[in-house]
Amino acid sequence: MALVSLETNSEFLQCLKGHQPPFDQNKKHLIGVLIGEGVGTEVVPVALNLLEILGRHTKREFVLQTGGLIGYPAKEKYGSSLSSETIDFSSSIFAQNGALFCGPGGERFVYEMRSKFSLYCKFTPVEPLPELIDSGSVRPKQVSATNMVMVRENLGGIYQGKWTRGVDKDGETIVTHNFAYTKKMIMQILEVAFKLTEKRRKCLHVVLKPGGIPTISDLWWQCAQEMQSKLFPSVALYQHEIDNAVYQLIANPSQFDVVVSPNLFGDVLADCASLLLASRGLSYSGNFNAQGNGVYQTGHGAARDIAGKNIANPIGQIYALGMMLRESFNWPEADTALRRAVKSTLQNGIFTADIAPSGGRIYGTREFGHEVSTHLQKQLTGLTL
């Protein structure tokens, strides 16, 4: 029995310039684990348990190495949310062609990680599950027609600028923040987005703010038009202002295929789009550099207010695992198996509290993870992936 990938937007790494050489599945697969803070200590173990089950049904060999603190705990201990210890750990993983599987980390961890390792591109798939069509805040008609990928530029913009705090000559407290984009940075992320769009429905949506941020928006749009005319004439190109794009994401999400945007806008759009998934607990992403090094994580943050209560939704972390296995380890069958196990669990009327429809059984994080593992074991019985 063969497992075929359910993904229509798989193999993101093929859209990156200078991605890794052909993958050898007979070599050991190295995964660096950063458990993170908050609910990371609850959802990451659920995903790693599923990886262990997958490992029993393959000839591949996985080697896991666990790194240290990230986010606020690292800031308290080391003075930085991305410590030199974690930098050395991550560098070692990448040097051995491994990938990082990451729980949530607060403060400036994600921004510093992206800057340190040139993780310029972030992919956030937005594919609502039919099993949760009645679970969220958005009407089923809008949700059912949604299938898009957010492509976010990670290295420029306001999150990666330089800032100061001081007092002016009149004694008034003053803060500054300077940030920039180069044409090279913009062309690099646009090329990825165009390549992905060619593999999908050939509609690329660029989200900007011409009136509010004129020079950056103008350069982004000029670059997009230039690239379309020279390299991707078959791709339809659309421009949206950020405020209208947020509205359109909920009002008419089916119009969107691939959405590309500067750093801040991409952050806003991805969080808004998670409404279409029924819960932020289902959001996940992968961050990549030009060499194909990847960091895979959820999009919901540390959620410290519910940490330790066994109520966090682990689906986003499970899907991040699947994305890592598909992209960094060329194993789409494993991603498919994980997705089928999640779907089977939901189809059996088992949910976490954040996505439970009327009449659905509410399970805790560990218990939901156990149900997913049971369904995963059932579908893999007698199979070698």
Protein backbone atom coordinates (compact mmCIF):
# COMPACT_ATOMS: atom_id res chain seq x y z
CA MET A 1 0.00 0.00 0.00
CA ALA A 2 1.41 3.38 -0.99
CA LEU A 3 0.71 6.68 0.70
CA VAL A 4 0.36 9.60 -1.69
CA SER A 5 0.85 13.15 -0.42
CA LEU A 6 -2.33 15.13 0.13
CA GLU A 7 -0.45 18.39 -0.46
CA THR A 8 -0.93 20.38 -3.64
CA ASN A 9 1.66 22.92 -2.47
CA SER A 10 4.39 20.50 -1.42
CA GLU A 11 8.13 20.83 -1.93
CA PHE A 12 8.54 24.47 -1.01
CA LEU A 13 12.30 24.02 -1.05
CA GLN A 14 12.21 23.59 -4.81
CA CYS A 15 11.18 27.24 -5.01
CA LEU A 16 14.31 28.48 -3.24
CA LYS A 17 17.50 29.42 -5.05
CA GLY A 18 20.47 27.30 -4.05
CA HIS A 19 18.48 24.64 -2.21
CA GLN A 20 20.21 21.54 -0.87
CA PRO A 21 21.69 18.91 -3.22
CA PRO A 22 19.78 15.67 -3.94
CA PHE A 23 18.67 14.03 -0.72
CA ASP A 24 20.09 10.66 0.38
CA GLN A 25 17.45 8.91 2.46
CA ASN A 26 19.97 6.24 3.50
CA LYS A 27 21.97 8.75 5.54
CA LYS A 28 21.05 9.50 9.14
CA HIS A 29 18.39 12.21 9.49
CA LEU A 30 19.45 14.77 12.08
CA ILE A 31 16.77 16.78 13.85
CA GLY A 32 17.59 19.51 16.35
CA VAL A 33 14.77 19.99 18.84
CA LEU A 34 14.16 23.29 20.62
CA ILE A 35 11.24 22.57 22.93
CA GLY A 36 10.63 26.21 23.73
CA GLU A 37 8.51 27.75 26.43
CA GLY A 38 4.86 27.94 27.45
CA VAL A 39 2.82 25.24 25.71
CA GLY A 40 5.90 24.09 23.81
CA THR A 41 6.63 21.63 26.61
CA GLU A 42 3.21 20.07 25.95
CA VAL A 43 2.77 20.10 22.17
CA VAL A 44 6.33 19.25 21.09
CA PRO A 45 6.36 15.89 22.97
CA VAL A 46 3.07 14.95 21.25
CA ALA A 47 4.69 15.48 17.84
CA LEU A 48 7.90 13.67 18.80
CA ASN A 49 5.88 10.66 19.94
CA LEU A 50 4.33 10.51 16.47
CA LEU A 51 7.81 10.73 14.93
CA GLU A 52 8.83 7.72 17.01
CA ILE A 53 5.87 5.76 15.62
CA LEU A 54 6.78 6.73 12.07
CA GLY A 55 10.34 5.61 12.79
CA ARG A 56 9.14 2.07 13.45
CA HIS A 57 7.76 1.86 9.92
CA THR A 58 10.73 3.00 7.87
CA LYS A 59 14.29 2.04 7.09
CA ARG A 60 15.30 5.67 7.63
CA GLU A 61 17.28 6.46 10.76
CA PHE A 62 16.45 9.58 12.74
CA VAL A 63 18.82 11.11 15.27
CA LEU A 64 17.37 13.69 17.65
CA GLN A 65 19.46 16.23 19.53
CA THR A 66 17.85 18.58 22.04
CA GLY A 67 19.04 22.15 22.45
CA GLY A 68 18.69 24.53 25.36
CA LEU A 69 16.51 27.44 26.37
CA ILE A 70 14.97 29.91 23.93
CA GLY A 71 12.75 32.94 24.30
CA TYR A 72 12.08 34.51 27.68
CA PRO A 73 13.74 31.75 29.75
CA ALA A 74 16.90 32.21 27.67
CA LYS A 75 16.67 35.98 28.10
CA GLU A 76 16.48 35.59 31.87
CA LYS A 77 19.44 33.21 32.03
CA TYR A 78 21.71 34.47 29.26
CA GLY A 79 20.54 38.02 28.58
CA SER A 80 19.38 37.11 25.07
CA SER A 81 16.40 35.16 23.76
CA LEU A 82 18.80 33.55 21.25
CA SER A 83 21.85 32.57 23.29
CA SER A 84 25.31 31.73 21.94
CA GLU A 85 24.65 28.18 23.12
CA THR A 86 21.56 27.90 20.89
CA ILE A 87 23.39 29.54 17.99
CA ASP A 88 26.18 26.95 18.25
CA PHE A 89 23.63 24.14 18.54
CA SER A 90 21.69 25.33 15.49
CA SER A 91 24.86 25.87 13.46
CA SER A 92 25.93 22.31 14.19
CA ILE A 93 22.56 20.92 13.10
CA PHE A 94 22.61 22.87 9.84
CA ALA A 95 26.25 21.97 9.14
CA GLN A 96 25.20 18.30 9.20
CA ASN A 97 22.27 18.89 6.80
CA GLY A 98 19.78 18.62 9.63
CA ALA A 99 16.67 20.66 10.40
CA LEU A 100 15.35 22.42 13.49
CA PHE A 101 12.02 21.41 14.99
CA CYS A 102 11.04 24.28 17.22
CA GLY A 103 8.49 24.99 19.92
CA PRO A 104 7.39 28.56 20.66
CA GLY A 105 9.94 31.10 21.86
CA GLY A 106 9.04 34.61 22.92
CA GLU A 107 10.77 37.98 23.16
CA ARG A 108 12.95 38.42 20.03
CA PHE A 109 13.89 34.78 19.53
CA VAL A 110 12.32 34.24 16.10
CA TYR A 111 13.58 37.53 14.66
CA GLU A 112 17.13 36.98 15.89
CA MET A 113 17.09 33.38 14.64
CA ARG A 114 16.02 34.50 11.18
CA SER A 115 18.64 37.22 11.07
CA LYS A 116 21.48 35.03 12.36
CA PHE A 117 20.88 32.23 9.85
CA SER A 118 19.57 34.35 6.94
CA LEU A 119 16.17 32.61 7.04
CA TYR A 120 14.75 35.09 4.57
CA CYS A 121 11.67 33.12 3.51
CA LYS A 122 8.71 31.96 5.56
CA PHE A 123 5.97 29.72 4.16
CA THR A 124 2.64 29.57 5.99
CA PRO A 125 0.06 27.24 4.37
CA VAL A 126 -3.59 28.06 5.03
CA GLU A 127 -5.69 24.99 4.28
CA PRO A 128 -8.79 24.63 6.48
CA LEU A 129 -9.89 21.12 7.41
CA PRO A 130 -13.39 20.08 6.28
CA GLU A 131 -13.82 18.37 9.66
CA LEU A 132 -13.67 21.80 11.34
CA ILE A 133 -15.94 23.62 8.93
CA ASP A 134 -18.42 24.49 11.71
CA SER A 135 -15.89 25.03 14.48
CA GLY A 136 -14.53 28.52 13.83
CA SER A 137 -15.82 32.08 13.76
CA VAL A 138 -15.94 32.39 9.96
CA ARG A 139 -18.91 31.13 7.95
CA PRO A 140 -18.45 27.69 6.35
CA LYS A 141 -18.96 29.03 2.82
CA GLN A 142 -15.85 31.19 3.09
CA VAL A 143 -13.78 28.57 4.87
CA SER A 144 -14.54 25.73 2.46
CA ALA A 145 -13.19 27.67 -0.53
CA THR A 146 -9.84 28.52 1.08
CA ASN A 147 -6.47 27.19 -0.07
CA MET A 148 -3.52 29.58 0.01
CA VAL A 149 0.11 29.96 1.01
CA MET A 150 1.57 33.03 2.68
CA VAL A 151 5.14 33.86 1.61
CA ARG A 152 6.77 36.30 4.02
CA GLU A 153 10.04 38.19 3.74
CA ASN A 154 11.88 37.75 7.05
CA LEU A 155 15.07 39.83 6.95
CA GLY A 156 13.94 43.38 6.18
CA GLY A 157 11.26 45.72 7.40
CA ILE A 158 10.39 46.97 10.83
CA TYR A 159 11.12 43.75 12.72
CA GLN A 160 14.76 43.78 11.63
CA GLY A 161 15.56 47.48 11.90
CA LYS A 162 17.67 49.47 14.33
CA TRP A 163 16.16 51.36 17.20
CA THR A 164 17.14 53.87 19.87
CA ARG A 165 15.63 55.36 23.00
CA GLY A 166 16.75 58.66 24.44
CA VAL A 167 15.87 62.17 25.49
CA ASP A 168 15.78 65.16 23.16
CA LYS A 169 17.04 68.68 23.90
CA ASP A 170 13.73 69.59 25.55
CA GLY A 171 13.88 66.62 27.92
CA GLU A 172 11.21 64.68 26.02
CA THR A 173 11.61 60.92 25.77
CA ILE A 174 12.11 59.97 22.13
CA VAL A 175 12.34 56.59 20.44
CA THR A 176 13.41 55.86 16.87
CA HIS A 177 13.21 52.85 14.59
CA ASN A 178 14.90 52.70 11.19
CA PHE A 179 14.45 49.90 8.70
CA ALA A 180 15.00 49.31 5.02
CA TYR A 181 14.60 47.03 2.01
CA THR A 182 17.03 46.57 -0.87
CA LYS A 183 15.97 45.60 -4.36
CA LYS A 184 18.00 42.41 -4.04
CA MET A 185 16.06 41.36 -0.93
CA ILE A 186 12.73 42.04 -2.59
CA MET A 187 13.62 40.23 -5.83
CA GLN A 188 14.83 37.23 -3.83
CA ILE A 189 11.53 36.69 -2.02
CA LEU A 190 9.44 37.55 -5.08
CA GLU A 191 11.24 34.91 -7.13
CA VAL A 192 10.30 32.29 -4.55
CA ALA A 193 6.69 33.44 -4.55
CA PHE A 194 6.45 33.46 -8.35
CA LYS A 195 7.94 29.95 -8.58
CA LEU A 196 5.45 28.67 -6.03
CA THR A 197 2.60 30.39 -7.84
CA GLU A 198 3.55 28.69 -11.11
CA LYS A 199 3.12 25.31 -9.37
CA ARG A 200 -0.31 26.29 -8.06
CA ARG A 201 -3.12 28.40 -9.57
CA LYS A 202 -0.89 31.11 -11.11
CA CYS A 203 -2.28 34.00 -9.05
CA LEU A 204 0.17 36.07 -7.03
CA HIS A 205 -1.09 38.67 -4.57
CA VAL A 206 1.37 41.31 -3.31
CA VAL A 207 0.31 43.09 -0.12
CA LEU A 208 1.65 46.63 0.37
CA LYS A 209 0.64 50.12 1.59
CA PRO A 210 1.48 52.64 -1.17
CA GLY A 211 0.02 55.68 0.56
CA GLY A 212 1.35 54.95 4.02
CA ILE A 213 4.75 53.47 3.14
CA PRO A 214 5.31 54.87 -0.35
CA THR A 215 8.96 54.20 -1.20
CA ILE A 216 9.06 50.62 0.05
CA SER A 217 5.67 49.81 -1.49
CA ASP A 218 6.67 51.38 -4.81
CA LEU A 219 9.89 49.37 -5.00
CA TRP A 220 8.13 46.13 -4.13
CA TRP A 221 5.52 46.68 -6.82
CA GLN A 222 8.08 47.75 -9.44
CA CYS A 223 10.09 44.61 -8.71
CA ALA A 224 6.98 42.42 -8.95
CA GLN A 225 5.99 43.89 -12.30
CA GLU A 226 9.54 43.60 -13.62
CA MET A 227 9.83 39.97 -12.61
CA GLN A 228 6.42 39.08 -14.00
CA SER A 229 7.13 40.62 -17.40
CA LYS A 230 10.60 39.09 -17.77
CA LEU A 231 10.27 35.66 -16.14
CA PHE A 232 6.70 34.78 -15.21
CA PRO A 233 4.28 36.16 -17.84
CA SER A 234 1.76 33.38 -17.22
CA VAL A 235 1.23 34.47 -13.59
CA ALA A 236 -1.58 36.93 -12.84
CA LEU A 237 -0.33 39.70 -10.54
CA TYR A 238 -2.49 41.60 -8.04
CA GLN A 239 -1.74 44.36 -5.55
CA HIS A 240 -3.64 44.76 -2.27
CA GLU A 241 -3.32 47.35 0.46
CA ILE A 242 -2.75 45.71 3.83
CA ASP A 243 -5.94 46.96 5.49
CA ASN A 244 -8.10 45.79 2.61
CA ALA A 245 -6.17 42.51 2.36
CA VAL A 246 -6.99 41.68 5.97
CA TYR A 247 -10.66 42.33 5.26
CA GLN A 248 -10.61 40.33 2.02
CA LEU A 249 -8.95 37.36 3.73
CA ILE A 250 -12.11 36.81 5.73
CA ALA A 251 -14.72 38.21 3.35
CA ASN A 252 -13.49 36.44 0.19
CA PRO A 253 -10.55 34.11 0.91
CA SER A 254 -11.04 32.00 -2.22
CA GLN A 255 -9.52 34.78 -4.38
CA PHE A 256 -6.10 34.20 -2.80
CA ASP A 257 -3.59 31.66 -4.04
CA VAL A 258 -0.06 32.75 -3.12
CA VAL A 259 0.27 35.90 -0.99
CA VAL A 260 3.67 37.61 -0.69
CA SER A 261 4.43 40.53 1.57
CA PRO A 262 7.00 42.45 3.60
CA ASN A 263 7.82 41.28 7.10
CA LEU A 264 5.28 43.09 9.27
CA PHE A 265 2.40 42.65 6.84
CA GLY A 266 3.14 38.94 6.55
CA ASP A 267 2.91 38.58 10.30
CA VAL A 268 -0.48 40.31 10.43
CA LEU A 269 -1.86 38.37 7.47
CA ALA A 270 -0.85 34.94 8.78
CA ASP A 271 -2.44 35.57 12.17
CA CYS A 272 -5.60 36.86 10.52
CA ALA A 273 -5.73 33.87 8.19
CA SER A 274 -5.63 31.48 11.14
CA LEU A 275 -9.26 32.47 11.73
CA LEU A 276 -10.04 30.42 8.65
CA LEU A 277 -8.48 27.36 10.31
CA ALA A 278 -10.87 27.58 13.30
CA SER A 279 -7.97 28.14 15.73
CA ARG A 280 -4.42 29.50 15.84
CA GLY A 281 -3.58 26.08 17.26
CA LEU A 282 -3.60 24.74 13.70
CA SER A 283 -1.21 27.32 12.24
CA TYR A 284 2.35 26.31 11.36
CA SER A 285 5.20 27.39 9.12
CA GLY A 286 8.69 26.79 7.84
CA ASN A 287 11.49 29.37 7.66
CA PHE A 288 14.32 28.84 5.15
CA ASN A 289 17.56 30.30 3.91
CA ALA A 290 19.03 30.02 0.42
CA GLN A 291 20.96 26.89 1.37
CA GLY A 292 17.74 25.08 2.30
CA ASN A 293 18.28 25.10 6.07
CA GLY A 294 14.87 24.99 7.72
CA VAL A 295 13.27 25.88 11.05
CA TYR A 296 9.78 24.46 11.53
CA GLN A 297 7.37 25.75 14.14
CA THR A 298 3.78 26.61 14.97
CA GLY A 299 2.29 30.05 14.51
CA HIS A 300 0.50 30.38 17.82
CA GLY A 301 3.23 31.50 20.19
CA ALA A 302 3.92 30.36 23.74
CA ALA A 303 0.32 30.85 24.99
CA ARG A 304 1.60 31.20 28.56
CA ASP A 305 -1.93 31.79 29.86
CA ILE A 306 -2.85 28.16 29.16
CA ALA A 307 0.55 26.55 29.68
CA GLY A 308 0.51 23.55 31.97
CA LYS A 309 -3.26 23.12 31.78
CA ASN A 310 -3.22 20.28 29.21
CA ILE A 311 -5.61 22.13 26.90
CA ALA A 312 -3.29 23.33 24.11
CA ASN A 313 -4.04 22.16 20.58
CA PRO A 314 -1.09 20.10 19.21
CA ILE A 315 -2.25 19.97 15.57
CA GLY A 316 -0.10 22.89 14.43
CA GLN A 317 2.99 21.26 15.93
CA ILE A 318 2.07 17.94 14.29
CA TYR A 319 1.67 19.65 10.92
CA ALA A 320 5.01 21.43 11.43
CA LEU A 321 6.55 17.98 11.92
CA GLY A 322 4.96 16.77 8.71
CA MET A 323 6.22 19.79 6.82
CA MET A 324 9.74 19.16 8.11
CA LEU A 325 9.68 15.50 7.11
CA ARG A 326 8.35 16.38 3.66
CA GLU A 327 10.63 19.32 2.95
CA SER A 328 13.94 18.75 4.73
CA PHE A 329 13.91 14.94 4.59
CA ASN A 330 12.10 14.30 1.31
CA TRP A 331 9.48 12.12 3.00
CA PRO A 332 6.00 13.23 1.81
CA GLU A 333 4.53 9.85 2.77
CA ALA A 334 5.17 10.64 6.43
CA ASP A 335 3.44 14.01 6.11
CA THR A 336 0.46 12.32 4.51
CA ALA A 337 0.29 9.71 7.26
CA LEU A 338 0.29 12.38 9.97
CA ARG A 339 -2.44 14.37 8.24
CA ARG A 340 -4.60 11.29 7.82
CA ALA A 341 -4.17 10.42 11.49
CA VAL A 342 -5.30 13.91 12.52
CA LYS A 343 -8.26 13.79 10.15
CA SER A 344 -9.32 10.36 11.41
CA THR A 345 -9.21 11.62 14.97
CA LEU A 346 -11.39 14.61 14.15
CA GLN A 347 -13.77 12.46 12.08
CA ASN A 348 -14.27 10.33 15.19
CA GLY A 349 -15.60 13.39 16.99
CA ILE A 350 -12.50 13.99 19.13
CA PHE A 351 -11.32 17.58 19.54
CA THR A 352 -9.37 19.92 21.76
CA ALA A 353 -11.42 22.63 23.46
CA ASP A 354 -10.53 25.41 21.02
CA ILE A 355 -11.96 23.60 17.98
CA ALA A 356 -14.78 21.50 19.44
CA PRO A 357 -18.13 21.95 17.67
CA SER A 358 -21.39 21.36 19.45
CA GLY A 359 -21.51 17.73 20.52
CA GLY A 360 -17.80 17.10 20.00
CA ARG A 361 -15.82 15.28 22.67
CA ILE A 362 -13.19 17.52 24.25
CA TYR A 363 -9.82 15.93 24.95
CA GLY A 364 -6.72 17.36 26.59
CA THR A 365 -3.43 17.84 24.78
CA ARG A 366 -1.95 14.49 25.85
CA GLU A 367 -5.18 12.59 25.32
CA PHE A 368 -5.75 14.09 21.87
CA GLY A 369 -2.17 13.22 20.97
CA HIS A 370 -2.75 9.65 22.13
CA GLU A 371 -5.80 9.36 19.85
CA VAL A 372 -3.79 10.65 16.89
CA SER A 373 -1.02 8.15 17.65
CA THR A 374 -3.57 5.33 17.76
CA HIS A 375 -4.89 6.26 14.31
CA LEU A 376 -1.35 6.62 12.99
CA GLN A 377 -0.42 3.15 14.21
CA LYS A 378 -3.56 1.66 12.64
CA GLN A 379 -2.91 3.06 9.17
CA LEU A 380 0.78 2.05 9.26
CA THR A 381 0.25 -1.55 10.32
CA GLY A 382 2.15 -3.74 7.91
CA LEU A 383 3.61 -0.79 6.00
CA THR A 384 7.16 0.37 5.42
CA LEU A 385 7.33 4.01 4.32
